[in-house]
Amino acid sequence: LVAGGHDVTLLTNWAADTFVEARQRYDFLELPRGITVSGEVKAIKPDRRIYDHHAATFGLVPAATLFIDDSQKNVDGAKAAGWQAVLFTNAEALRKSLAE
């Protein structure tokens, strides 16, 4: 998605201390425009506060933003916060959802 020119941000339920190590290990975490880490903002998906915080931090309009997650409760939380959202089940299903 980043290589295709899409504006990508990450919203993760990762602990603050272990996310520092993850960023050192996984280069792809440097690709998105920004990342909200639940352990840093003291809110966790599907709590509405983390979606609102992420949108405000990165200037996102929730209704024009697509949230992708592998947890139905997090997808439901994003939808409740006004975001478009899809459940990730596999790469092919995601490609189809993105095309639609």
C-alpha atoms as a PDB file:
ATOM      1  CA  LEU A   1       0.000   0.000   0.000  1.00  0.00           C
ATOM      2  CA  VAL A   2       2.801   2.435   0.835  1.00  0.00           C
ATOM      3  CA  ALA A   3       4.617   1.603  -2.413  1.00  0.00           C
ATOM      4  CA  GLY A   4       1.347   2.171  -4.267  1.00  0.00           C
ATOM      5  CA  GLY A   5       1.194   5.736  -2.992  1.00  0.00           C
ATOM      6  CA  HIS A   6      -1.416   5.259  -0.284  1.00  0.00           C
ATOM      7  CA  ASP A   7      -1.205   7.226   2.950  1.00  0.00           C
ATOM      8  CA  VAL A   8      -0.611   4.517   5.550  1.00  0.00           C
ATOM      9  CA  THR A   9      -0.544   4.889   9.313  1.00  0.00           C
ATOM     10  CA  LEU A  10      -0.501   2.135  11.907  1.00  0.00           C
ATOM     11  CA  LEU A  11      -2.612   1.767  15.022  1.00  0.00           C
ATOM     12  CA  THR A  12      -1.302  -1.031  17.200  1.00  0.00           C
ATOM     13  CA  ASN A  13      -2.053  -2.606  20.575  1.00  0.00           C
ATOM     14  CA  TRP A  14       1.639  -3.079  21.261  1.00  0.00           C
ATOM     15  CA  ALA A  15       3.329  -2.373  24.591  1.00  0.00           C
ATOM     16  CA  ALA A  16       5.576   0.690  24.482  1.00  0.00           C
ATOM     17  CA  ASP A  17       8.741  -1.090  25.622  1.00  0.00           C
ATOM     18  CA  THR A  18       8.522  -4.051  23.261  1.00  0.00           C
ATOM     19  CA  PHE A  19       7.564  -1.834  20.328  1.00  0.00           C
ATOM     20  CA  VAL A  20      10.960  -0.143  20.537  1.00  0.00           C
ATOM     21  CA  GLU A  21      12.578  -3.540  20.018  1.00  0.00           C
ATOM     22  CA  ALA A  22      10.143  -4.432  17.222  1.00  0.00           C
ATOM     23  CA  ARG A  23      11.061  -1.265  15.298  1.00  0.00           C
ATOM     24  CA  GLN A  24      14.709  -2.289  15.466  1.00  0.00           C
ATOM     25  CA  ARG A  25      13.911  -5.780  14.163  1.00  0.00           C
ATOM     26  CA  TYR A  26      11.312  -5.054  11.492  1.00  0.00           C
ATOM     27  CA  ASP A  27      12.220  -2.493   8.848  1.00  0.00           C
ATOM     28  CA  PHE A  28       8.667  -2.375   7.455  1.00  0.00           C
ATOM     29  CA  LEU A  29       7.582  -0.508  10.594  1.00  0.00           C
ATOM     30  CA  GLU A  30       9.450   2.518   9.237  1.00  0.00           C
ATOM     31  CA  LEU A  31       7.365   2.635   6.040  1.00  0.00           C
ATOM     32  CA  PRO A  32       4.100   4.202   7.260  1.00  0.00           C
ATOM     33  CA  ARG A  33       3.704   7.940   7.817  1.00  0.00           C
ATOM     34  CA  GLY A  34       3.167   7.378  11.517  1.00  0.00           C
ATOM     35  CA  ILE A  35       2.250   4.928  14.244  1.00  0.00           C
ATOM     36  CA  THR A  36       0.051   5.094  17.322  1.00  0.00           C
ATOM     37  CA  VAL A  37       1.195   2.591  19.951  1.00  0.00           C
ATOM     38  CA  SER A  38      -1.416   1.767  22.577  1.00  0.00           C
ATOM     39  CA  GLY A  39       1.197   1.391  25.292  1.00  0.00           C
ATOM     40  CA  GLU A  40       2.345   4.959  24.659  1.00  0.00           C
ATOM     41  CA  VAL A  41      -1.093   6.593  24.593  1.00  0.00           C
ATOM     42  CA  LYS A  42      -2.592   4.459  27.381  1.00  0.00           C
ATOM     43  CA  ALA A  43      -5.620   3.321  25.378  1.00  0.00           C
ATOM     44  CA  ILE A  44      -6.190   0.040  23.593  1.00  0.00           C
ATOM     45  CA  LYS A  45      -8.333  -1.070  20.669  1.00  0.00           C
ATOM     46  CA  PRO A  46     -11.331  -1.299  20.599  1.00  0.00           C
ATOM     47  CA  ASP A  47     -11.605   1.664  23.005  1.00  0.00           C
ATOM     48  CA  ARG A  48     -12.973   4.619  21.038  1.00  0.00           C
ATOM     49  CA  ARG A  49     -10.342   6.925  22.532  1.00  0.00           C
ATOM     50  CA  ILE A  50      -7.494   5.304  20.594  1.00  0.00           C
ATOM     51  CA  TYR A  51      -9.263   5.687  17.238  1.00  0.00           C
ATOM     52  CA  ASP A  52     -10.079   9.324  17.992  1.00  0.00           C
ATOM     53  CA  HIS A  53      -6.500   9.964  19.149  1.00  0.00           C
ATOM     54  CA  HIS A  54      -5.038   8.380  16.022  1.00  0.00           C
ATOM     55  CA  ALA A  55      -7.312  10.342  13.688  1.00  0.00           C
ATOM     56  CA  ALA A  56      -6.512  13.625  15.446  1.00  0.00           C
ATOM     57  CA  THR A  57      -2.769  12.946  15.551  1.00  0.00           C
ATOM     58  CA  PHE A  58      -2.504  12.211  11.833  1.00  0.00           C
ATOM     59  CA  GLY A  59      -5.220  14.521  10.520  1.00  0.00           C
ATOM     60  CA  LEU A  60      -7.437  11.682   9.334  1.00  0.00           C
ATOM     61  CA  VAL A  61     -11.120  11.991   8.527  1.00  0.00           C
ATOM     62  CA  PRO A  62     -12.534   8.740   9.933  1.00  0.00           C
ATOM     63  CA  ALA A  63     -15.282   8.402   7.302  1.00  0.00           C
ATOM     64  CA  ALA A  64     -12.609   8.665   4.594  1.00  0.00           C
ATOM     65  CA  THR A  65     -10.160   6.330   6.345  1.00  0.00           C
ATOM     66  CA  LEU A  66      -9.991   2.567   5.935  1.00  0.00           C
ATOM     67  CA  PHE A  67      -9.066   0.561   9.036  1.00  0.00           C
ATOM     68  CA  ILE A  68      -7.826  -3.007   8.543  1.00  0.00           C
ATOM     69  CA  ASP A  69      -7.493  -5.415  11.465  1.00  0.00           C
ATOM     70  CA  ASP A  70      -7.505  -9.159  12.093  1.00  0.00           C
ATOM     71  CA  SER A  71      -9.804  -8.823  15.115  1.00  0.00           C
ATOM     72  CA  GLN A  72     -13.548  -8.386  14.592  1.00  0.00           C
ATOM     73  CA  LYS A  73     -13.900  -6.471  17.873  1.00  0.00           C
ATOM     74  CA  ASN A  74     -11.305  -3.942  16.678  1.00  0.00           C
ATOM     75  CA  VAL A  75     -13.044  -3.621  13.302  1.00  0.00           C
ATOM     76  CA  ASP A  76     -16.328  -3.058  15.135  1.00  0.00           C
ATOM     77  CA  GLY A  77     -14.648  -0.464  17.357  1.00  0.00           C
ATOM     78  CA  ALA A  78     -13.351   1.412  14.329  1.00  0.00           C
ATOM     79  CA  LYS A  79     -16.788   1.373  12.715  1.00  0.00           C
ATOM     80  CA  ALA A  80     -18.329   2.681  15.944  1.00  0.00           C
ATOM     81  CA  ALA A  81     -15.799   5.540  15.795  1.00  0.00           C
ATOM     82  CA  GLY A  82     -16.981   6.395  12.270  1.00  0.00           C
ATOM     83  CA  TRP A  83     -14.217   4.719  10.273  1.00  0.00           C
ATOM     84  CA  GLN A  84     -14.580   2.454   7.275  1.00  0.00           C
ATOM     85  CA  ALA A  85     -13.209  -0.919   8.352  1.00  0.00           C
ATOM     86  CA  VAL A  86     -12.566  -4.427   7.044  1.00  0.00           C
ATOM     87  CA  LEU A  87     -11.612  -7.629   8.782  1.00  0.00           C
ATOM     88  CA  PHE A  88      -8.320  -9.101   7.561  1.00  0.00           C
ATOM     89  CA  THR A  89      -8.634 -12.836   7.024  1.00  0.00           C
ATOM     90  CA  ASN A  90      -6.060 -13.356   4.268  1.00  0.00           C
ATOM     91  CA  ALA A  91      -4.185 -11.410   1.607  1.00  0.00           C
ATOM     92  CA  GLU A  92      -6.491 -12.362  -1.271  1.00  0.00           C
ATOM     93  CA  ALA A  93      -9.646 -11.317   0.605  1.00  0.00           C
ATOM     94  CA  LEU A  94      -7.981  -8.019   1.499  1.00  0.00           C
ATOM     95  CA  ARG A  95      -7.039  -7.387  -2.141  1.00  0.00           C
ATOM     96  CA  LYS A  96     -10.681  -7.935  -3.074  1.00  0.00           C
ATOM     97  CA  SER A  97     -11.918  -5.598  -0.339  1.00  0.00           C
ATOM     98  CA  LEU A  98      -9.459  -2.902  -1.406  1.00  0.00           C
ATOM     99  CA  ALA A  99     -10.538  -3.215  -5.038  1.00  0.00           C
ATOM    100  CA  GLU A 100     -14.166  -2.749  -4.005  1.00  0.00           C
END
